[in-house]
Amino acid sequence: MTPKALRQRVQFLDTLTGLLHELPEAERDAATILVAWAARSIASAKVDAPTAVYLRAVDLVRKEGRCSVSWVQRKLALGYCEAARIVAEMEARGVVRPADGAKDREVLVGQQRHGRRQYPRA
């Protein structure tokens, strides 16, 4: 789940909680159970964080200067679907450009470590 989706669910839960206080006493018990269930499912949702495989793929793409789904699949011994998901995530995070036909994708991160700020040495 993305951070934006998590924020939207929390806002929805806040709205439900506000409406709960406006209900008559007789209807409050069933509504409380529903709100508690929603809160538990939101609390158990995880925010998507980069996986170890994704970070390995970014390092490989950065070092080699090339990226395609089949190339990432071969180099990391992944299934095609997982490699496609990782390349799509790299595109969404600005690591590579969108696909341009059958050519490799252009790598945008260069020699920097993706996701970590590089500070000049004093």
Protein backbone atom coordinates (compact mmCIF):
# COMPACT_ATOMS: atom_id res chain seq x y z
CA MET A 1 0.00 0.00 0.00
CA THR A 2 1.34 3.40 -0.91
CA PRO A 3 1.64 6.19 1.69
CA LYS A 4 -1.07 8.15 -0.16
CA ALA A 5 -3.52 5.23 0.01
CA LEU A 6 -2.75 4.78 3.70
CA ARG A 7 -3.46 8.49 4.37
CA GLN A 8 -6.76 8.22 2.50
CA ARG A 9 -7.82 5.21 4.57
CA VAL A 10 -6.91 6.95 7.82
CA GLN A 11 -8.94 10.02 6.79
CA PHE A 12 -11.87 7.74 5.99
CA LEU A 13 -11.55 6.11 9.41
CA ASP A 14 -11.54 9.55 11.07
CA THR A 15 -14.74 10.40 9.21
CA LEU A 16 -16.35 7.14 10.34
CA THR A 17 -15.35 7.81 13.94
CA GLY A 18 -16.90 11.28 13.77
CA LEU A 19 -20.14 9.87 12.39
CA LEU A 20 -20.17 7.20 15.08
CA HIS A 21 -20.65 9.80 17.80
CA GLU A 22 -23.70 11.20 15.99
CA LEU A 23 -25.54 7.84 15.88
CA PRO A 24 -28.31 6.96 18.34
CA GLU A 25 -27.26 4.73 21.24
CA ALA A 26 -29.05 1.65 19.81
CA GLU A 27 -27.14 1.74 16.52
CA ARG A 28 -23.76 2.54 18.04
CA ASP A 29 -22.77 -1.05 18.96
CA ALA A 30 -22.87 -2.43 15.40
CA ALA A 31 -21.16 0.67 14.02
CA THR A 32 -18.43 0.45 16.68
CA ILE A 33 -17.67 -3.11 15.60
CA LEU A 34 -17.38 -2.01 11.95
CA VAL A 35 -15.09 0.92 12.81
CA ALA A 36 -12.89 -1.32 14.99
CA TRP A 37 -12.63 -3.83 12.14
CA ALA A 38 -11.68 -1.07 9.69
CA ALA A 39 -9.07 0.31 12.10
CA ARG A 40 -7.53 -3.13 12.56
CA SER A 41 -7.29 -3.71 8.80
CA ILE A 42 -5.72 -0.27 8.25
CA ALA A 43 -3.23 -0.82 11.07
CA SER A 44 -2.15 -4.14 9.57
CA ALA A 45 -1.63 -2.63 6.10
CA LYS A 46 2.00 -2.17 5.25
CA VAL A 47 3.49 0.70 3.31
CA ASP A 48 5.44 -0.44 0.28
CA ALA A 49 9.14 -0.18 0.98
CA PRO A 50 11.96 -1.15 -1.37
CA THR A 51 12.80 -4.83 -1.09
CA ALA A 52 16.28 -6.30 -1.12
CA VAL A 53 15.74 -7.61 -4.65
CA TYR A 54 14.62 -4.16 -5.82
CA LEU A 55 17.72 -2.54 -4.29
CA ARG A 56 19.97 -5.16 -5.93
CA ALA A 57 18.28 -4.47 -9.26
CA VAL A 58 18.80 -0.70 -8.88
CA ASP A 59 22.48 -1.20 -8.06
CA LEU A 60 22.91 -3.52 -11.04
CA VAL A 61 21.13 -1.12 -13.42
CA ARG A 62 23.15 1.81 -12.09
CA LYS A 63 26.47 0.00 -12.51
CA GLU A 64 25.75 -1.45 -15.97
CA GLY A 65 23.91 1.61 -17.32
CA ARG A 66 21.18 -0.43 -19.00
CA CYS A 67 17.77 -1.79 -18.11
CA SER A 68 15.14 -4.01 -19.67
CA VAL A 69 12.75 -6.48 -18.10
CA SER A 70 14.35 -9.53 -19.71
CA TRP A 71 17.86 -8.32 -18.81
CA VAL A 72 16.93 -7.82 -15.12
CA GLN A 73 15.21 -11.21 -15.21
CA ARG A 74 18.36 -12.94 -16.47
CA LYS A 75 20.84 -11.12 -14.24
CA LEU A 76 18.87 -11.67 -11.01
CA ALA A 77 17.37 -15.09 -11.89
CA LEU A 78 13.79 -13.86 -11.42
CA GLY A 79 10.50 -14.75 -13.04
CA TYR A 80 9.33 -12.43 -15.80
CA CYS A 81 6.41 -11.03 -13.77
CA GLU A 82 8.62 -10.12 -10.80
CA ALA A 83 11.24 -8.53 -13.07
CA ALA A 84 8.50 -6.53 -14.82
CA ARG A 85 7.15 -5.34 -11.46
CA ILE A 86 10.63 -4.25 -10.35
CA VAL A 87 11.30 -2.37 -13.60
CA ALA A 88 7.88 -0.70 -13.36
CA GLU A 89 8.71 0.35 -9.79
CA MET A 90 12.06 1.74 -10.97
CA GLU A 91 10.21 3.75 -13.61
CA ALA A 92 7.73 5.07 -11.02
CA ARG A 93 10.57 6.08 -8.69
CA GLY A 94 12.50 7.86 -11.46
CA VAL A 95 15.38 5.42 -11.76
CA VAL A 96 14.78 4.65 -15.44
CA ARG A 97 12.82 6.26 -18.28
CA PRO A 98 9.68 4.66 -19.71
CA ALA A 99 10.15 1.99 -22.38
CA ASP A 100 10.85 3.15 -25.93
CA GLY A 101 9.99 0.22 -28.14
CA ALA A 102 12.47 -2.65 -28.09
CA LYS A 103 15.40 -0.54 -26.84
CA ASP A 104 16.82 -0.67 -23.33
CA ARG A 105 15.42 1.91 -20.95
CA GLU A 106 17.59 4.94 -20.24
CA VAL A 107 19.06 4.88 -16.73
CA LEU A 108 18.62 8.18 -14.88
CA VAL A 109 20.42 7.62 -11.56
CA GLY A 110 24.03 7.61 -12.82
CA GLN A 111 26.74 6.95 -10.26
CA GLN A 112 24.77 8.10 -7.20
CA ARG A 113 23.32 5.64 -4.74
CA HIS A 114 19.56 5.55 -5.38
CA GLY A 115 17.50 6.77 -2.45
CA ARG A 116 20.49 7.95 -0.41
CA ARG A 117 21.85 11.45 -0.40
CA GLN A 118 25.51 11.86 -1.24
CA TYR A 119 27.29 14.53 0.78
CA PRO A 120 30.56 16.06 -0.41
CA ARG A 121 33.61 15.14 1.63
CA ALA A 122 35.20 17.94 3.60
